Full PDB file with SEQRES, HELIX, SHEET, SSBOND, CRYST1, ORIGX, SCALE, CONECT and MASTER records, all heavy atoms in Angstrom:
SEQRES   1 A   34  MET PRO GLY LEU ALA ASN GLN ILE THR GLU ILE VAL THR          
SEQRES   2 A   34  ARG GLU MET LYS LEU ASN ILE ARG GLY LEU ASN PHE SER          
SEQRES   3 A   34  SER ARG GLY ASP GLY THR MET TYR                              
HELIX    1 AA1 LEU A    4  GLU A   10  1                                   7    
HELIX    2 AA2 ILE A   11  GLU A   15  3                                   5    
CRYST1    1.000    1.000    1.000  90.00  90.00  90.00 P 1           1          
ORIGX1      1.000000  0.000000  0.000000        0.00000                         
ORIGX2      0.000000  1.000000  0.000000        0.00000                         
ORIGX3      0.000000  0.000000  1.000000        0.00000                         
SCALE1      1.000000  0.000000  0.000000        0.00000                         
SCALE2      0.000000  1.000000  0.000000        0.00000                         
SCALE3      0.000000  0.000000  1.000000        0.00000                         
ATOM      1  N   MET A   1      -2.432  -2.627  18.101  1.00  0.00           N  
ATOM      2  CA  MET A   1      -1.376  -3.403  17.636  1.00  0.00           C  
ATOM      3  C   MET A   1      -1.102  -3.202  16.176  1.00  0.00           C  
ATOM      4  O   MET A   1      -2.042  -2.869  15.398  1.00  0.00           O  
ATOM      5  CB  MET A   1      -1.632  -4.898  17.860  1.00  0.00           C  
ATOM      6  CG  MET A   1      -2.932  -5.378  17.451  1.00  0.00           C  
ATOM      7  SD  MET A   1      -3.243  -7.066  18.064  1.00  0.00           S  
ATOM      8  CE  MET A   1      -2.831  -8.006  16.622  1.00  0.00           C  
ATOM      9  N   PRO A   2       0.187  -3.195  15.804  1.00  0.00           N  
ATOM     10  CA  PRO A   2       0.472  -2.983  14.370  1.00  0.00           C  
ATOM     11  C   PRO A   2      -0.315  -3.848  13.453  1.00  0.00           C  
ATOM     12  O   PRO A   2      -0.443  -5.012  13.716  1.00  0.00           O  
ATOM     13  CB  PRO A   2       1.981  -3.162  14.356  1.00  0.00           C  
ATOM     14  CG  PRO A   2       2.538  -3.125  15.683  1.00  0.00           C  
ATOM     15  CD  PRO A   2       1.384  -3.605  16.556  1.00  0.00           C  
ATOM     16  N   GLY A   3      -0.782  -3.270  12.226  1.00  0.00           N  
ATOM     17  CA  GLY A   3      -1.386  -4.068  11.419  1.00  0.00           C  
ATOM     18  C   GLY A   3      -2.984  -4.331  11.412  1.00  0.00           C  
ATOM     19  O   GLY A   3      -3.568  -5.019  10.594  1.00  0.00           O  
ATOM     20  N   LEU A   4      -3.557  -4.060  12.681  1.00  0.00           N  
ATOM     21  CA  LEU A   4      -4.897  -4.275  12.867  1.00  0.00           C  
ATOM     22  C   LEU A   4      -5.843  -3.685  11.786  1.00  0.00           C  
ATOM     23  O   LEU A   4      -6.746  -4.325  11.257  1.00  0.00           O  
ATOM     24  CB  LEU A   4      -5.364  -3.927  14.344  1.00  0.00           C  
ATOM     25  CG  LEU A   4      -6.742  -4.353  14.725  1.00  0.00           C  
ATOM     26  CD1 LEU A   4      -6.826  -5.948  14.598  1.00  0.00           C  
ATOM     27  CD2 LEU A   4      -7.103  -4.053  16.068  1.00  0.00           C  
ATOM     28  N   ALA A   5      -5.711  -2.390  11.632  1.00  0.00           N  
ATOM     29  CA  ALA A   5      -6.470  -1.558  10.595  1.00  0.00           C  
ATOM     30  C   ALA A   5      -6.246  -2.329   9.271  1.00  0.00           C  
ATOM     31  O   ALA A   5      -7.171  -2.441   8.385  1.00  0.00           O  
ATOM     32  CB  ALA A   5      -6.091  -0.195  10.555  1.00  0.00           C  
ATOM     33  N   ASN A   6      -4.993  -2.634   8.921  1.00  0.00           N  
ATOM     34  CA  ASN A   6      -4.712  -3.341   7.657  1.00  0.00           C  
ATOM     35  C   ASN A   6      -5.535  -4.575   7.467  1.00  0.00           C  
ATOM     36  O   ASN A   6      -6.084  -5.041   6.407  1.00  0.00           O  
ATOM     37  CB  ASN A   6      -3.230  -3.659   7.460  1.00  0.00           C  
ATOM     38  CG  ASN A   6      -2.417  -2.313   7.228  1.00  0.00           C  
ATOM     39  OD1 ASN A   6      -3.003  -1.222   6.931  1.00  0.00           O  
ATOM     40  ND2 ASN A   6      -1.111  -2.437   7.443  1.00  0.00           N  
ATOM     41  N   GLN A   7      -5.600  -5.407   8.515  1.00  0.00           N  
ATOM     42  CA  GLN A   7      -6.364  -6.679   8.471  1.00  0.00           C  
ATOM     43  C   GLN A   7      -7.696  -6.445   8.167  1.00  0.00           C  
ATOM     44  O   GLN A   7      -8.459  -7.183   7.515  1.00  0.00           O  
ATOM     45  CB  GLN A   7      -6.095  -7.418   9.800  1.00  0.00           C  
ATOM     46  CG  GLN A   7      -4.669  -8.007  10.032  1.00  0.00           C  
ATOM     47  CD  GLN A   7      -4.540  -8.810  11.325  1.00  0.00           C  
ATOM     48  OE1 GLN A   7      -5.338  -9.615  11.588  1.00  0.00           O  
ATOM     49  NE2 GLN A   7      -3.591  -8.418  12.118  1.00  0.00           N  
ATOM     50  N   ILE A   8      -8.311  -5.456   8.783  1.00  0.00           N  
ATOM     51  CA  ILE A   8      -9.729  -5.137   8.713  1.00  0.00           C  
ATOM     52  C   ILE A   8     -10.033  -4.667   7.287  1.00  0.00           C  
ATOM     53  O   ILE A   8     -10.955  -5.260   6.577  1.00  0.00           O  
ATOM     54  CB  ILE A   8     -10.131  -3.924   9.698  1.00  0.00           C  
ATOM     55  CG1 ILE A   8     -10.044  -4.492  11.104  1.00  0.00           C  
ATOM     56  CG2 ILE A   8     -11.526  -3.383   9.377  1.00  0.00           C  
ATOM     57  CD1 ILE A   8     -10.319  -3.449  12.116  1.00  0.00           C  
ATOM     58  N   THR A   9      -9.137  -3.850   6.688  1.00  0.00           N  
ATOM     59  CA  THR A   9      -9.334  -3.421   5.294  1.00  0.00           C  
ATOM     60  C   THR A   9      -9.231  -4.580   4.310  1.00  0.00           C  
ATOM     61  O   THR A   9      -9.807  -4.703   3.328  1.00  0.00           O  
ATOM     62  CB  THR A   9      -8.469  -2.253   4.863  1.00  0.00           C  
ATOM     63  OG1 THR A   9      -7.058  -2.635   5.104  1.00  0.00           O  
ATOM     64  CG2 THR A   9      -8.718  -1.044   5.606  1.00  0.00           C  
ATOM     65  N   GLU A  10      -8.311  -5.532   4.624  1.00  0.00           N  
ATOM     66  CA  GLU A  10      -8.175  -6.758   3.865  1.00  0.00           C  
ATOM     67  C   GLU A  10      -9.528  -7.585   3.757  1.00  0.00           C  
ATOM     68  O   GLU A  10      -9.797  -7.971   2.710  1.00  0.00           O  
ATOM     69  CB  GLU A  10      -6.872  -7.609   4.383  1.00  0.00           C  
ATOM     70  CG  GLU A  10      -5.521  -7.002   4.112  1.00  0.00           C  
ATOM     71  CD  GLU A  10      -5.182  -7.300   2.735  1.00  0.00           C  
ATOM     72  OE1 GLU A  10      -5.429  -8.343   2.221  1.00  0.00           O  
ATOM     73  OE2 GLU A  10      -4.401  -6.508   2.236  1.00  0.00           O  
ATOM     74  N   ILE A  11      -9.983  -7.679   4.902  1.00  0.00           N  
ATOM     75  CA  ILE A  11     -11.223  -8.487   4.931  1.00  0.00           C  
ATOM     76  C   ILE A  11     -12.362  -7.737   4.180  1.00  0.00           C  
ATOM     77  O   ILE A  11     -13.094  -8.344   3.342  1.00  0.00           O  
ATOM     78  CB  ILE A  11     -11.831  -8.736   6.475  1.00  0.00           C  
ATOM     79  CG1 ILE A  11     -10.930  -9.754   7.029  1.00  0.00           C  
ATOM     80  CG2 ILE A  11     -13.226  -8.894   6.446  1.00  0.00           C  
ATOM     81  CD1 ILE A  11     -11.197 -10.069   8.523  1.00  0.00           C  
ATOM     82  N   VAL A  12     -12.414  -6.468   4.405  1.00  0.00           N  
ATOM     83  CA  VAL A  12     -13.452  -5.684   3.594  1.00  0.00           C  
ATOM     84  C   VAL A  12     -13.333  -5.809   2.107  1.00  0.00           C  
ATOM     85  O   VAL A  12     -14.121  -6.110   1.301  1.00  0.00           O  
ATOM     86  CB  VAL A  12     -13.455  -4.126   4.074  1.00  0.00           C  
ATOM     87  CG1 VAL A  12     -14.360  -3.467   3.239  1.00  0.00           C  
ATOM     88  CG2 VAL A  12     -13.762  -4.048   5.569  1.00  0.00           C  
ATOM     89  N   THR A  13     -11.951  -5.456   1.670  1.00  0.00           N  
ATOM     90  CA  THR A  13     -11.775  -5.395   0.239  1.00  0.00           C  
ATOM     91  C   THR A  13     -11.580  -6.669  -0.403  1.00  0.00           C  
ATOM     92  O   THR A  13     -12.064  -6.913  -1.582  1.00  0.00           O  
ATOM     93  CB  THR A  13     -10.674  -4.375  -0.105  1.00  0.00           C  
ATOM     94  OG1 THR A  13      -9.500  -4.840   0.644  1.00  0.00           O  
ATOM     95  CG2 THR A  13     -10.904  -2.927   0.405  1.00  0.00           C  
ATOM     96  N   ARG A  14     -10.718  -7.531   0.154  1.00  0.00           N  
ATOM     97  CA  ARG A  14     -10.350  -8.753  -0.614  1.00  0.00           C  
ATOM     98  C   ARG A  14     -11.241  -9.853  -0.367  1.00  0.00           C  
ATOM     99  O   ARG A  14     -11.606 -10.592  -1.248  1.00  0.00           O  
ATOM    100  CB  ARG A  14      -8.974  -9.098  -0.212  1.00  0.00           C  
ATOM    101  CG  ARG A  14      -7.845  -8.174  -0.769  1.00  0.00           C  
ATOM    102  CD  ARG A  14      -6.478  -8.949  -1.051  1.00  0.00           C  
ATOM    103  NE  ARG A  14      -5.676  -7.896  -1.616  1.00  0.00           N  
ATOM    104  CZ  ARG A  14      -4.512  -7.824  -1.332  1.00  0.00           C  
ATOM    105  NH1 ARG A  14      -3.925  -8.407  -0.392  1.00  0.00           N  
ATOM    106  NH2 ARG A  14      -3.767  -6.889  -2.009  1.00  0.00           N  
ATOM    107  N   GLU A  15     -11.616 -10.105   1.007  1.00  0.00           N  
ATOM    108  CA  GLU A  15     -12.444 -11.227   1.311  1.00  0.00           C  
ATOM    109  C   GLU A  15     -13.872 -10.983   0.972  1.00  0.00           C  
ATOM    110  O   GLU A  15     -14.509 -11.828   0.308  1.00  0.00           O  
ATOM    111  CB  GLU A  15     -12.281 -11.570   2.811  1.00  0.00           C  
ATOM    112  CG  GLU A  15     -13.102 -12.821   3.340  1.00  0.00           C  
ATOM    113  CD  GLU A  15     -12.888 -13.185   4.777  1.00  0.00           C  
ATOM    114  OE1 GLU A  15     -11.752 -13.163   5.241  1.00  0.00           O  
ATOM    115  OE2 GLU A  15     -13.853 -13.416   5.319  1.00  0.00           O  
ATOM    116  N   MET A  16     -14.427  -9.807   1.319  1.00  0.00           N  
ATOM    117  CA  MET A  16     -15.808  -9.558   1.206  1.00  0.00           C  
ATOM    118  C   MET A  16     -16.016  -8.833  -0.134  1.00  0.00           C  
ATOM    119  O   MET A  16     -17.185  -8.635  -0.605  1.00  0.00           O  
ATOM    120  CB  MET A  16     -16.407  -8.593   2.198  1.00  0.00           C  
ATOM    121  CG  MET A  16     -16.237  -9.266   3.627  1.00  0.00           C  
ATOM    122  SD  MET A  16     -17.407 -10.660   4.047  1.00  0.00           S  
ATOM    123  CE  MET A  16     -18.940  -9.790   3.964  1.00  0.00           C  
ATOM    124  N   LYS A  17     -15.043  -8.219  -0.766  1.00  0.00           N  
ATOM    125  CA  LYS A  17     -15.063  -7.539  -2.092  1.00  0.00           C  
ATOM    126  C   LYS A  17     -15.945  -6.304  -1.938  1.00  0.00           C  
ATOM    127  O   LYS A  17     -16.854  -6.175  -2.846  1.00  0.00           O  
ATOM    128  CB  LYS A  17     -15.434  -8.532  -3.189  1.00  0.00           C  
ATOM    129  CG  LYS A  17     -14.405  -9.525  -3.382  1.00  0.00           C  
ATOM    130  CD  LYS A  17     -14.733 -10.431  -4.631  1.00  0.00           C  
ATOM    131  CE  LYS A  17     -13.729 -11.524  -4.878  1.00  0.00           C  
ATOM    132  NZ  LYS A  17     -12.579 -11.778  -4.045  1.00  0.00           N  
ATOM    133  N   LEU A  18     -15.876  -5.537  -0.960  1.00  0.00           N  
ATOM    134  CA  LEU A  18     -16.700  -4.356  -0.760  1.00  0.00           C  
ATOM    135  C   LEU A  18     -15.867  -3.160  -0.970  1.00  0.00           C  
ATOM    136  O   LEU A  18     -14.690  -3.114  -0.918  1.00  0.00           O  
ATOM    137  CB  LEU A  18     -17.288  -4.375   0.637  1.00  0.00           C  
ATOM    138  CG  LEU A  18     -18.206  -5.506   0.978  1.00  0.00           C  
ATOM    139  CD1 LEU A  18     -18.487  -5.506   2.495  1.00  0.00           C  
ATOM    140  CD2 LEU A  18     -19.443  -5.613   0.205  1.00  0.00           C  
ATOM    141  N   ASN A  19     -16.493  -2.008  -1.310  1.00  0.00           N  
ATOM    142  CA  ASN A  19     -15.800  -0.792  -1.456  1.00  0.00           C  
ATOM    143  C   ASN A  19     -15.907   0.003  -0.118  1.00  0.00           C  
ATOM    144  O   ASN A  19     -16.913   0.188   0.475  1.00  0.00           O  
ATOM    145  CB  ASN A  19     -16.634   0.075  -2.489  1.00  0.00           C  
ATOM    146  CG  ASN A  19     -16.562  -0.497  -3.893  1.00  0.00           C  
ATOM    147  OD1 ASN A  19     -15.499  -1.000  -4.312  1.00  0.00           O  
ATOM    148  ND2 ASN A  19     -17.559  -0.319  -4.577  1.00  0.00           N  
ATOM    149  N   ILE A  20     -14.673   0.536   0.179  1.00  0.00           N  
ATOM    150  CA  ILE A  20     -14.483   1.338   1.397  1.00  0.00           C  
ATOM    151  C   ILE A  20     -14.739   2.775   0.998  1.00  0.00           C  
ATOM    152  O   ILE A  20     -14.240   3.203   0.077  1.00  0.00           O  
ATOM    153  CB  ILE A  20     -13.046   1.166   1.946  1.00  0.00           C  
ATOM    154  CG1 ILE A  20     -12.882  -0.189   2.460  1.00  0.00           C  
ATOM    155  CG2 ILE A  20     -12.873   2.145   3.125  1.00  0.00           C  
ATOM    156  CD1 ILE A  20     -11.411  -0.541   3.012  1.00  0.00           C  
ATOM    157  N   ARG A  21     -15.611   3.400   1.823  1.00  0.00           N  
ATOM    158  CA  ARG A  21     -16.027   4.844   1.492  1.00  0.00           C  
ATOM    159  C   ARG A  21     -15.319   5.809   2.490  1.00  0.00           C  
ATOM    160  O   ARG A  21     -15.321   6.980   2.178  1.00  0.00           O  
ATOM    161  CB  ARG A  21     -17.478   5.097   1.453  1.00  0.00           C  
ATOM    162  CG  ARG A  21     -18.200   4.075   0.452  1.00  0.00           C  
ATOM    163  CD  ARG A  21     -17.752   4.162  -0.946  1.00  0.00           C  
ATOM    164  NE  ARG A  21     -18.322   5.393  -1.567  1.00  0.00           N  
ATOM    165  CZ  ARG A  21     -18.065   5.962  -2.706  1.00  0.00           C  
ATOM    166  NH1 ARG A  21     -17.010   5.407  -3.357  1.00  0.00           N  
ATOM    167  NH2 ARG A  21     -18.706   7.043  -3.178  1.00  0.00           N  
ATOM    168  N   GLY A  22     -14.940   5.323   3.585  1.00  0.00           N  
ATOM    169  CA  GLY A  22     -14.387   6.055   4.686  1.00  0.00           C  
ATOM    170  C   GLY A  22     -13.671   5.196   5.643  1.00  0.00           C  
ATOM    171  O   GLY A  22     -14.156   4.122   5.903  1.00  0.00           O  
ATOM    172  N   LEU A  23     -12.538   5.718   6.216  1.00  0.00           N  
ATOM    173  CA  LEU A  23     -11.844   4.840   7.158  1.00  0.00           C  
ATOM    174  C   LEU A  23     -11.172   5.820   8.182  1.00  0.00           C  
ATOM    175  O   LEU A  23     -10.563   6.861   7.804  1.00  0.00           O  
ATOM    176  CB  LEU A  23     -10.658   4.138   6.456  1.00  0.00           C  
ATOM    177  CG  LEU A  23      -9.849   3.148   7.150  1.00  0.00           C  
ATOM    178  CD1 LEU A  23     -10.835   1.905   7.714  1.00  0.00           C  
ATOM    179  CD2 LEU A  23      -8.764   2.529   6.337  1.00  0.00           C  
ATOM    180  N   ASN A  24     -11.354   5.648   9.484  1.00  0.00           N  
ATOM    181  CA  ASN A  24     -10.741   6.415  10.539  1.00  0.00           C  
ATOM    182  C   ASN A  24     -10.406   5.608  11.746  1.00  0.00           C  
ATOM    183  O   ASN A  24     -11.212   5.126  12.490  1.00  0.00           O  
ATOM    184  CB  ASN A  24     -11.869   7.520  10.834  1.00  0.00           C  
ATOM    185  CG  ASN A  24     -11.197   8.532  11.975  1.00  0.00           C  
ATOM    186  OD1 ASN A  24     -10.003   8.523  12.238  1.00  0.00           O  
ATOM    187  ND2 ASN A  24     -12.065   9.299  12.584  1.00  0.00           N  
ATOM    188  N   PHE A  25      -9.106   5.398  12.034  1.00  0.00           N  
ATOM    189  CA  PHE A  25      -8.663   4.621  13.135  1.00  0.00           C  
ATOM    190  C   PHE A  25      -7.711   5.443  13.950  1.00  0.00           C  
ATOM    191  O   PHE A  25      -6.928   6.228  13.374  1.00  0.00           O  
ATOM    192  CB  PHE A  25      -7.981   3.182  12.734  1.00  0.00           C  
ATOM    193  CG  PHE A  25      -8.901   2.215  12.280  1.00  0.00           C  
ATOM    194  CD1 PHE A  25      -9.134   1.971  10.915  1.00  0.00           C  
ATOM    195  CD2 PHE A  25      -9.647   1.451  13.114  1.00  0.00           C  
ATOM    196  CE1 PHE A  25     -10.057   1.127  10.443  1.00  0.00           C  
ATOM    197  CE2 PHE A  25     -10.544   0.525  12.704  1.00  0.00           C  
ATOM    198  CZ  PHE A  25     -10.721   0.278  11.400  1.00  0.00           C  
ATOM    199  N   SER A  26      -7.772   5.392  15.300  1.00  0.00           N  
ATOM    200  CA  SER A  26      -6.905   6.167  16.169  1.00  0.00           C  
ATOM    201  C   SER A  26      -6.628   5.357  17.396  1.00  0.00           C  
ATOM    202  O   SER A  26      -7.508   4.511  17.875  1.00  0.00           O  
ATOM    203  CB  SER A  26      -7.307   7.509  16.435  1.00  0.00           C  
ATOM    204  OG  SER A  26      -8.615   7.446  17.174  1.00  0.00           O  
ATOM    205  N   SER A  27      -5.553   5.607  18.007  1.00  0.00           N  
ATOM    206  CA  SER A  27      -5.017   5.044  19.244  1.00  0.00           C  
ATOM    207  C   SER A  27      -5.570   5.909  20.469  1.00  0.00           C  
ATOM    208  O   SER A  27      -5.477   7.032  20.297  1.00  0.00           O  
ATOM    209  CB  SER A  27      -3.583   4.919  19.390  1.00  0.00           C  
ATOM    210  OG  SER A  27      -3.106   4.487  20.696  1.00  0.00           O  
ATOM    211  N   ARG A  28      -6.072   5.198  21.512  1.00  0.00           N  
ATOM    212  CA  ARG A  28      -6.529   6.109  22.723  1.00  0.00           C  
ATOM    213  C   ARG A  28      -5.389   6.270  23.611  1.00  0.00           C  
ATOM    214  O   ARG A  28      -5.596   6.898  24.574  1.00  0.00           O  
ATOM    215  CB  ARG A  28      -7.663   5.184  23.351  1.00  0.00           C  
ATOM    216  CG  ARG A  28      -8.888   5.180  22.551  1.00  0.00           C  
ATOM    217  CD  ARG A  28     -10.008   4.578  23.361  1.00  0.00           C  
ATOM    218  NE  ARG A  28     -11.122   4.560  22.608  1.00  0.00           N  
ATOM    219  CZ  ARG A  28     -12.294   3.939  22.911  1.00  0.00           C  
ATOM    220  NH1 ARG A  28     -12.319   3.146  23.921  1.00  0.00           N  
ATOM    221  NH2 ARG A  28     -13.377   3.986  22.220  1.00  0.00           N  
ATOM    222  N   GLY A  29      -4.210   5.668  23.430  1.00  0.00           N  
ATOM    223  CA  GLY A  29      -3.150   5.779  24.342  1.00  0.00           C  
ATOM    224  C   GLY A  29      -3.128   4.871  25.528  1.00  0.00           C  
ATOM    225  O   GLY A  29      -2.109   4.912  26.265  1.00  0.00           O  
ATOM    226  N   ASP A  30      -4.170   4.035  25.638  1.00  0.00           N  
ATOM    227  CA  ASP A  30      -4.177   3.145  26.743  1.00  0.00           C  
ATOM    228  C   ASP A  30      -4.088   1.665  26.292  1.00  0.00           C  
ATOM    229  O   ASP A  30      -4.555   0.750  27.058  1.00  0.00           O  
ATOM    230  CB  ASP A  30      -5.552   3.292  27.538  1.00  0.00           C  
ATOM    231  CG  ASP A  30      -6.829   3.028  26.763  1.00  0.00           C  
ATOM    232  OD1 ASP A  30      -6.663   2.874  25.515  1.00  0.00           O  
ATOM    233  OD2 ASP A  30      -7.861   3.028  27.241  1.00  0.00           O  
ATOM    234  N   GLY A  31      -3.654   1.590  25.142  1.00  0.00           N  
ATOM    235  CA  GLY A  31      -3.349   0.187  24.513  1.00  0.00           C  
ATOM    236  C   GLY A  31      -4.559  -0.304  23.660  1.00  0.00           C  
ATOM    237  O   GLY A  31      -4.636  -1.494  23.300  1.00  0.00           O  
ATOM    238  N   THR A  32      -5.549   0.562  23.524  1.00  0.00           N  
ATOM    239  CA  THR A  32      -6.697   0.277  22.601  1.00  0.00           C  
ATOM    240  C   THR A  32      -6.780   1.197  21.571  1.00  0.00           C  
ATOM    241  O   THR A  32      -6.276   2.269  21.443  1.00  0.00           O  
ATOM    242  CB  THR A  32      -8.120   0.355  23.491  1.00  0.00           C  
ATOM    243  OG1 THR A  32      -8.317   1.574  23.866  1.00  0.00           O  
ATOM    244  CG2 THR A  32      -8.189  -0.596  24.578  1.00  0.00           C  
ATOM    245  N   MET A  33      -7.240   0.634  20.427  1.00  0.00           N  
ATOM    246  CA  MET A  33      -7.545   1.391  19.251  1.00  0.00           C  
ATOM    247  C   MET A  33      -9.054   1.492  18.896  1.00  0.00           C  
ATOM    248  O   MET A  33      -9.782   0.424  19.154  1.00  0.00           O  
ATOM    249  CB  MET A  33      -6.864   0.579  18.113  1.00  0.00           C  
ATOM    250  CG  MET A  33      -6.995   1.153  16.678  1.00  0.00           C  
ATOM    251  SD  MET A  33      -8.368   0.562  15.648  1.00  0.00           S  
ATOM    252  CE  MET A  33      -8.253  -1.188  15.845  1.00  0.00           C  
ATOM    253  N   TYR A  34      -9.494   2.458  18.388  1.00  0.00           N  
ATOM    254  CA  TYR A  34     -11.054   2.732  18.067  1.00  0.00           C  
ATOM    255  C   TYR A  34     -10.950   3.318  16.753  1.00  0.00           C  
ATOM    256  O   TYR A  34     -10.160   4.051  16.235  1.00  0.00           O  
ATOM    257  CB  TYR A  34     -11.666   3.760  19.003  1.00  0.00           C  
ATOM    258  CG  TYR A  34     -12.981   3.971  18.684  1.00  0.00           C  
ATOM    259  CD1 TYR A  34     -14.058   3.026  18.936  1.00  0.00           C  
ATOM    260  CD2 TYR A  34     -13.424   5.092  17.793  1.00  0.00           C  
ATOM    261  CE1 TYR A  34     -15.409   3.437  18.519  1.00  0.00           C  
ATOM    262  CE2 TYR A  34     -14.628   5.320  17.476  1.00  0.00           C  
ATOM    263  CZ  TYR A  34     -15.645   4.481  17.879  1.00  0.00           C  
ATOM    264  OH  TYR A  34     -16.977   4.768  17.422  1.00  0.00           O  
TER     265      TYR A  34                                                      
MASTER        0    0    0    2    0    0    0    6  264    1    0    3          
END                                                                             
């Protein structure tokens, strides 16, 4: 769904105040994202 990766990065950077070192999200084509 749109924005899911953005919500995850918001939690990591804004809520938890952690540094992201790598990020990789992709759609499987069956309605799920990994």
